[in-house]
Amino acid sequence: MAANAKQGTYLGTTLVGFTSFVAGLHSGGGLGIVFAIVGAGLLLVSAAGFYKIKAV
């Protein structure tokens, strides 16, 4: 799935961020909003990380 360690790290971050974001949207309430914000932040971090990685 990932060609090197950095890609693997950001792939894991993407999966955790997406899961957290969707779980936060589904649950709603105060804690759900926190999960959604954290998930969105992780998705942004992973997108920026993938953008920074140089081609193999």
PDB file of N, CA and C in Angstrom:
ATOM      1  N   MET A   1       0.821  -1.191   0.000  1.00  0.00           N
ATOM      2  CA  MET A   1       0.000   0.000   0.000  1.00  0.00           C
ATOM      3  C   MET A   1       0.866   1.257   0.000  1.00  0.00           C
ATOM      4  N   ALA A   2       1.943   1.242   0.767  1.00  0.00           N
ATOM      5  CA  ALA A   2       2.806   2.412   0.824  1.00  0.00           C
ATOM      6  C   ALA A   2       4.210   1.999   0.395  1.00  0.00           C
ATOM      7  N   ALA A   3       4.852   2.845  -0.397  1.00  0.00           N
ATOM      8  CA  ALA A   3       6.165   2.507  -0.933  1.00  0.00           C
ATOM      9  C   ALA A   3       7.285   2.772   0.069  1.00  0.00           C
ATOM     10  N   ASN A   4       7.086   3.686   1.000  1.00  0.00           N
ATOM     11  CA  ASN A   4       8.115   3.959   1.999  1.00  0.00           C
ATOM     12  C   ASN A   4       7.459   4.312   3.340  1.00  0.00           C
ATOM     13  N   ALA A   5       8.283   4.544   4.350  1.00  0.00           N
ATOM     14  CA  ALA A   5       7.775   4.759   5.708  1.00  0.00           C
ATOM     15  C   ALA A   5       6.935   6.032   5.823  1.00  0.00           C
ATOM     16  N   LYS A   6       7.341   7.088   5.131  1.00  0.00           N
ATOM     17  CA  LYS A   6       6.575   8.337   5.214  1.00  0.00           C
ATOM     18  C   LYS A   6       5.176   8.162   4.630  1.00  0.00           C
ATOM     19  N   GLN A   7       5.100   7.472   3.512  1.00  0.00           N
ATOM     20  CA  GLN A   7       3.784   7.232   2.922  1.00  0.00           C
ATOM     21  C   GLN A   7       2.924   6.384   3.845  1.00  0.00           C
ATOM     22  N   GLY A   8       3.524   5.410   4.505  1.00  0.00           N
ATOM     23  CA  GLY A   8       2.787   4.577   5.440  1.00  0.00           C
ATOM     24  C   GLY A   8       2.269   5.371   6.624  1.00  0.00           C
ATOM     25  N   THR A   9       3.093   6.279   7.129  1.00  0.00           N
ATOM     26  CA  THR A   9       2.675   7.123   8.248  1.00  0.00           C
ATOM     27  C   THR A   9       1.503   8.006   7.853  1.00  0.00           C
ATOM     28  N   TYR A  10       1.602   8.644   6.705  1.00  0.00           N
ATOM     29  CA  TYR A  10       0.522   9.533   6.282  1.00  0.00           C
ATOM     30  C   TYR A  10      -0.722   8.767   5.851  1.00  0.00           C
ATOM     31  N   LEU A  11      -0.558   7.551   5.365  1.00  0.00           N
ATOM     32  CA  LEU A  11      -1.717   6.723   5.057  1.00  0.00           C
ATOM     33  C   LEU A  11      -2.457   6.359   6.341  1.00  0.00           C
ATOM     34  N   GLY A  12      -1.711   5.995   7.371  1.00  0.00           N
ATOM     35  CA  GLY A  12      -2.327   5.715   8.670  1.00  0.00           C
ATOM     36  C   GLY A  12      -3.017   6.935   9.245  1.00  0.00           C
ATOM     37  N   THR A  13      -2.387   8.098   9.094  1.00  0.00           N
ATOM     38  CA  THR A  13      -2.994   9.343   9.563  1.00  0.00           C
ATOM     39  C   THR A  13      -4.279   9.636   8.806  1.00  0.00           C
ATOM     40  N   THR A  14      -4.293   9.355   7.515  1.00  0.00           N
ATOM     41  CA  THR A  14      -5.500   9.555   6.716  1.00  0.00           C
ATOM     42  C   THR A  14      -6.633   8.659   7.201  1.00  0.00           C
ATOM     43  N   LEU A  15      -6.327   7.391   7.445  1.00  0.00           N
ATOM     44  CA  LEU A  15      -7.360   6.456   7.890  1.00  0.00           C
ATOM     45  C   LEU A  15      -7.922   6.836   9.256  1.00  0.00           C
ATOM     46  N   VAL A  16      -7.042   7.188  10.194  1.00  0.00           N
ATOM     47  CA  VAL A  16      -7.498   7.584  11.531  1.00  0.00           C
ATOM     48  C   VAL A  16      -8.276   8.892  11.455  1.00  0.00           C
ATOM     49  N   GLY A  17      -7.796   9.848  10.662  1.00  0.00           N
ATOM     50  CA  GLY A  17      -8.484  11.127  10.528  1.00  0.00           C
ATOM     51  C   GLY A  17      -9.857  10.981   9.912  1.00  0.00           C
ATOM     52  N   PHE A  18      -9.960  10.167   8.868  1.00  0.00           N
ATOM     53  CA  PHE A  18     -11.256   9.979   8.220  1.00  0.00           C
ATOM     54  C   PHE A  18     -12.232   9.281   9.157  1.00  0.00           C
ATOM     55  N   THR A  19     -11.757   8.258   9.865  1.00  0.00           N
ATOM     56  CA  THR A  19     -12.619   7.540  10.801  1.00  0.00           C
ATOM     57  C   THR A  19     -13.094   8.459  11.917  1.00  0.00           C
ATOM     58  N   SER A  20     -12.193   9.257  12.457  1.00  0.00           N
ATOM     59  CA  SER A  20     -12.549  10.184  13.527  1.00  0.00           C
ATOM     60  C   SER A  20     -13.530  11.241  13.031  1.00  0.00           C
ATOM     61  N   PHE A  21     -13.298  11.754  11.838  1.00  0.00           N
ATOM     62  CA  PHE A  21     -14.173  12.787  11.280  1.00  0.00           C
ATOM     63  C   PHE A  21     -15.594  12.263  11.085  1.00  0.00           C
ATOM     64  N   VAL A  22     -15.713  11.089  10.487  1.00  0.00           N
ATOM     65  CA  VAL A  22     -17.033  10.516  10.228  1.00  0.00           C
ATOM     66  C   VAL A  22     -17.729  10.132  11.535  1.00  0.00           C
ATOM     67  N   ALA A  23     -16.971   9.589  12.489  1.00  0.00           N
ATOM     68  CA  ALA A  23     -17.560   9.231  13.786  1.00  0.00           C
ATOM     69  C   ALA A  23     -18.059  10.473  14.510  1.00  0.00           C
ATOM     70  N   GLY A  24     -17.316  11.557  14.417  1.00  0.00           N
ATOM     71  CA  GLY A  24     -17.743  12.805  15.041  1.00  0.00           C
ATOM     72  C   GLY A  24     -18.996  13.368  14.405  1.00  0.00           C
ATOM     73  N   LEU A  25     -19.084  13.288  13.089  1.00  0.00           N
ATOM     74  CA  LEU A  25     -20.286  13.772  12.409  1.00  0.00           C
ATOM     75  C   LEU A  25     -21.492  12.915  12.749  1.00  0.00           C
ATOM     76  N   HIS A  26     -21.280  11.628  12.882  1.00  0.00           N
ATOM     77  CA  HIS A  26     -22.393  10.716  13.161  1.00  0.00           C
ATOM     78  C   HIS A  26     -22.911  10.868  14.595  1.00  0.00           C
ATOM     79  N   SER A  27     -21.997  11.013  15.549  1.00  0.00           N
ATOM     80  CA  SER A  27     -22.424  11.038  16.945  1.00  0.00           C
ATOM     81  C   SER A  27     -23.032  12.378  17.341  1.00  0.00           C
ATOM     82  N   GLY A  28     -22.543  13.464  16.788  1.00  0.00           N
ATOM     83  CA  GLY A  28     -23.078  14.777  17.120  1.00  0.00           C
ATOM     84  C   GLY A  28     -22.750  15.164  18.557  1.00  0.00           C
ATOM     85  N   GLY A  29     -23.354  16.228  19.029  1.00  0.00           N
ATOM     86  CA  GLY A  29     -23.103  16.677  20.392  1.00  0.00           C
ATOM     87  C   GLY A  29     -21.737  17.318  20.543  1.00  0.00           C
ATOM     88  N   GLY A  30     -21.388  17.639  21.782  1.00  0.00           N
ATOM     89  CA  GLY A  30     -20.129  18.325  22.055  1.00  0.00           C
ATOM     90  C   GLY A  30     -18.913  17.482  21.749  1.00  0.00           C
ATOM     91  N   LEU A  31     -18.935  16.224  22.193  1.00  0.00           N
ATOM     92  CA  LEU A  31     -17.792  15.351  21.958  1.00  0.00           C
ATOM     93  C   LEU A  31     -17.668  14.993  20.477  1.00  0.00           C
ATOM     94  N   GLY A  32     -18.794  14.875  19.798  1.00  0.00           N
ATOM     95  CA  GLY A  32     -18.769  14.584  18.369  1.00  0.00           C
ATOM     96  C   GLY A  32     -18.130  15.704  17.574  1.00  0.00           C
ATOM     97  N   ILE A  33     -18.401  16.935  17.976  1.00  0.00           N
ATOM     98  CA  ILE A  33     -17.794  18.083  17.297  1.00  0.00           C
ATOM     99  C   ILE A  33     -16.281  18.063  17.485  1.00  0.00           C
ATOM    100  N   VAL A  34     -15.845  17.717  18.695  1.00  0.00           N
ATOM    101  CA  VAL A  34     -14.404  17.636  18.960  1.00  0.00           C
ATOM    102  C   VAL A  34     -13.761  16.563  18.082  1.00  0.00           C
ATOM    103  N   PHE A  35     -14.402  15.390  18.003  1.00  0.00           N
ATOM    104  CA  PHE A  35     -13.872  14.322  17.156  1.00  0.00           C
ATOM    105  C   PHE A  35     -13.836  14.751  15.693  1.00  0.00           C
ATOM    106  N   ALA A  36     -14.862  15.440  15.229  1.00  0.00           N
ATOM    107  CA  ALA A  36     -14.901  15.884  13.838  1.00  0.00           C
ATOM    108  C   ALA A  36     -13.794  16.895  13.553  1.00  0.00           C
ATOM    109  N   ILE A  37     -13.549  17.805  14.475  1.00  0.00           N
ATOM    110  CA  ILE A  37     -12.494  18.807  14.280  1.00  0.00           C
ATOM    111  C   ILE A  37     -11.117  18.148  14.286  1.00  0.00           C
ATOM    112  N   VAL A  38     -10.911  17.221  15.232  1.00  0.00           N
ATOM    113  CA  VAL A  38      -9.629  16.508  15.285  1.00  0.00           C
ATOM    114  C   VAL A  38      -9.428  15.688  14.011  1.00  0.00           C
ATOM    115  N   GLY A  39     -10.483  15.027  13.550  1.00  0.00           N
ATOM    116  CA  GLY A  39     -10.392  14.243  12.322  1.00  0.00           C
ATOM    117  C   GLY A  39     -10.077  15.104  11.114  1.00  0.00           C
ATOM    118  N   ALA A  40     -10.720  16.263  11.022  1.00  0.00           N
ATOM    119  CA  ALA A  40     -10.439  17.172   9.908  1.00  0.00           C
ATOM    120  C   ALA A  40      -8.996  17.673   9.973  1.00  0.00           C
ATOM    121  N   GLY A  41      -8.520  17.943  11.177  1.00  0.00           N
ATOM    122  CA  GLY A  41      -7.127  18.362  11.340  1.00  0.00           C
ATOM    123  C   GLY A  41      -6.151  17.286  10.895  1.00  0.00           C
ATOM    124  N   LEU A  42      -6.440  16.040  11.266  1.00  0.00           N
ATOM    125  CA  LEU A  42      -5.575  14.939  10.841  1.00  0.00           C
ATOM    126  C   LEU A  42      -5.600  14.762   9.326  1.00  0.00           C
ATOM    127  N   LEU A  43      -6.754  14.965   8.715  1.00  0.00           N
ATOM    128  CA  LEU A  43      -6.827  14.875   7.253  1.00  0.00           C
ATOM    129  C   LEU A  43      -5.993  15.968   6.592  1.00  0.00           C
ATOM    130  N   LEU A  44      -6.012  17.159   7.163  1.00  0.00           N
ATOM    131  CA  LEU A  44      -5.190  18.247   6.617  1.00  0.00           C
ATOM    132  C   LEU A  44      -3.701  17.949   6.787  1.00  0.00           C
ATOM    133  N   VAL A  45      -3.332  17.411   7.955  1.00  0.00           N
ATOM    134  CA  VAL A  45      -1.929  17.056   8.196  1.00  0.00           C
ATOM    135  C   VAL A  45      -1.471  15.988   7.208  1.00  0.00           C
ATOM    136  N   SER A  46      -2.305  14.987   6.982  1.00  0.00           N
ATOM    137  CA  SER A  46      -1.910  13.927   6.053  1.00  0.00           C
ATOM    138  C   SER A  46      -1.835  14.438   4.618  1.00  0.00           C
ATOM    139  N   ALA A  47      -2.745  15.320   4.235  1.00  0.00           N
ATOM    140  CA  ALA A  47      -2.694  15.881   2.879  1.00  0.00           C
ATOM    141  C   ALA A  47      -1.425  16.703   2.685  1.00  0.00           C
ATOM    142  N   ALA A  48      -1.079  17.515   3.686  1.00  0.00           N
ATOM    143  CA  ALA A  48       0.146  18.307   3.594  1.00  0.00           C
ATOM    144  C   ALA A  48       1.372  17.401   3.574  1.00  0.00           C
ATOM    145  N   GLY A  49       1.335  16.334   4.347  1.00  0.00           N
ATOM    146  CA  GLY A  49       2.455  15.398   4.372  1.00  0.00           C
ATOM    147  C   GLY A  49       2.649  14.698   3.046  1.00  0.00           C
ATOM    148  N   PHE A  50       1.551  14.247   2.443  1.00  0.00           N
ATOM    149  CA  PHE A  50       1.656  13.612   1.129  1.00  0.00           C
ATOM    150  C   PHE A  50       2.173  14.602   0.091  1.00  0.00           C
ATOM    151  N   TYR A  51       1.791  15.850   0.213  1.00  0.00           N
ATOM    152  CA  TYR A  51       2.240  16.866  -0.742  1.00  0.00           C
ATOM    153  C   TYR A  51       3.748  17.104  -0.609  1.00  0.00           C
ATOM    154  N   LYS A  52       4.268  17.020   0.638  1.00  0.00           N
ATOM    155  CA  LYS A  52       5.684  17.274   0.877  1.00  0.00           C
ATOM    156  C   LYS A  52       6.587  16.138   0.423  1.00  0.00           C
ATOM    157  N   ILE A  53       6.071  14.918   0.374  1.00  0.00           N
ATOM    158  CA  ILE A  53       6.901  13.762   0.038  1.00  0.00           C
ATOM    159  C   ILE A  53       7.382  13.873  -1.409  1.00  0.00           C
ATOM    160  N   LYS A  54       8.667  13.649  -1.581  1.00  0.00           N
ATOM    161  CA  LYS A  54       9.225  13.662  -2.933  1.00  0.00           C
ATOM    162  C   LYS A  54       8.922  12.337  -3.616  1.00  0.00           C
ATOM    163  N   ALA A  55       8.835  12.358  -4.913  1.00  0.00           N
ATOM    164  CA  ALA A  55       8.541  11.147  -5.683  1.00  0.00           C
ATOM    165  C   ALA A  55       9.662  10.130  -5.516  1.00  0.00           C
ATOM    166  N   VAL A  56       9.268   8.872  -5.459  1.00  0.00           N
ATOM    167  CA  VAL A  56      10.254   7.796  -5.265  1.00  0.00           C
ATOM    168  C   VAL A  56      10.911   7.470  -6.585  1.00  0.00           C
TER     169      VAL A  56
END
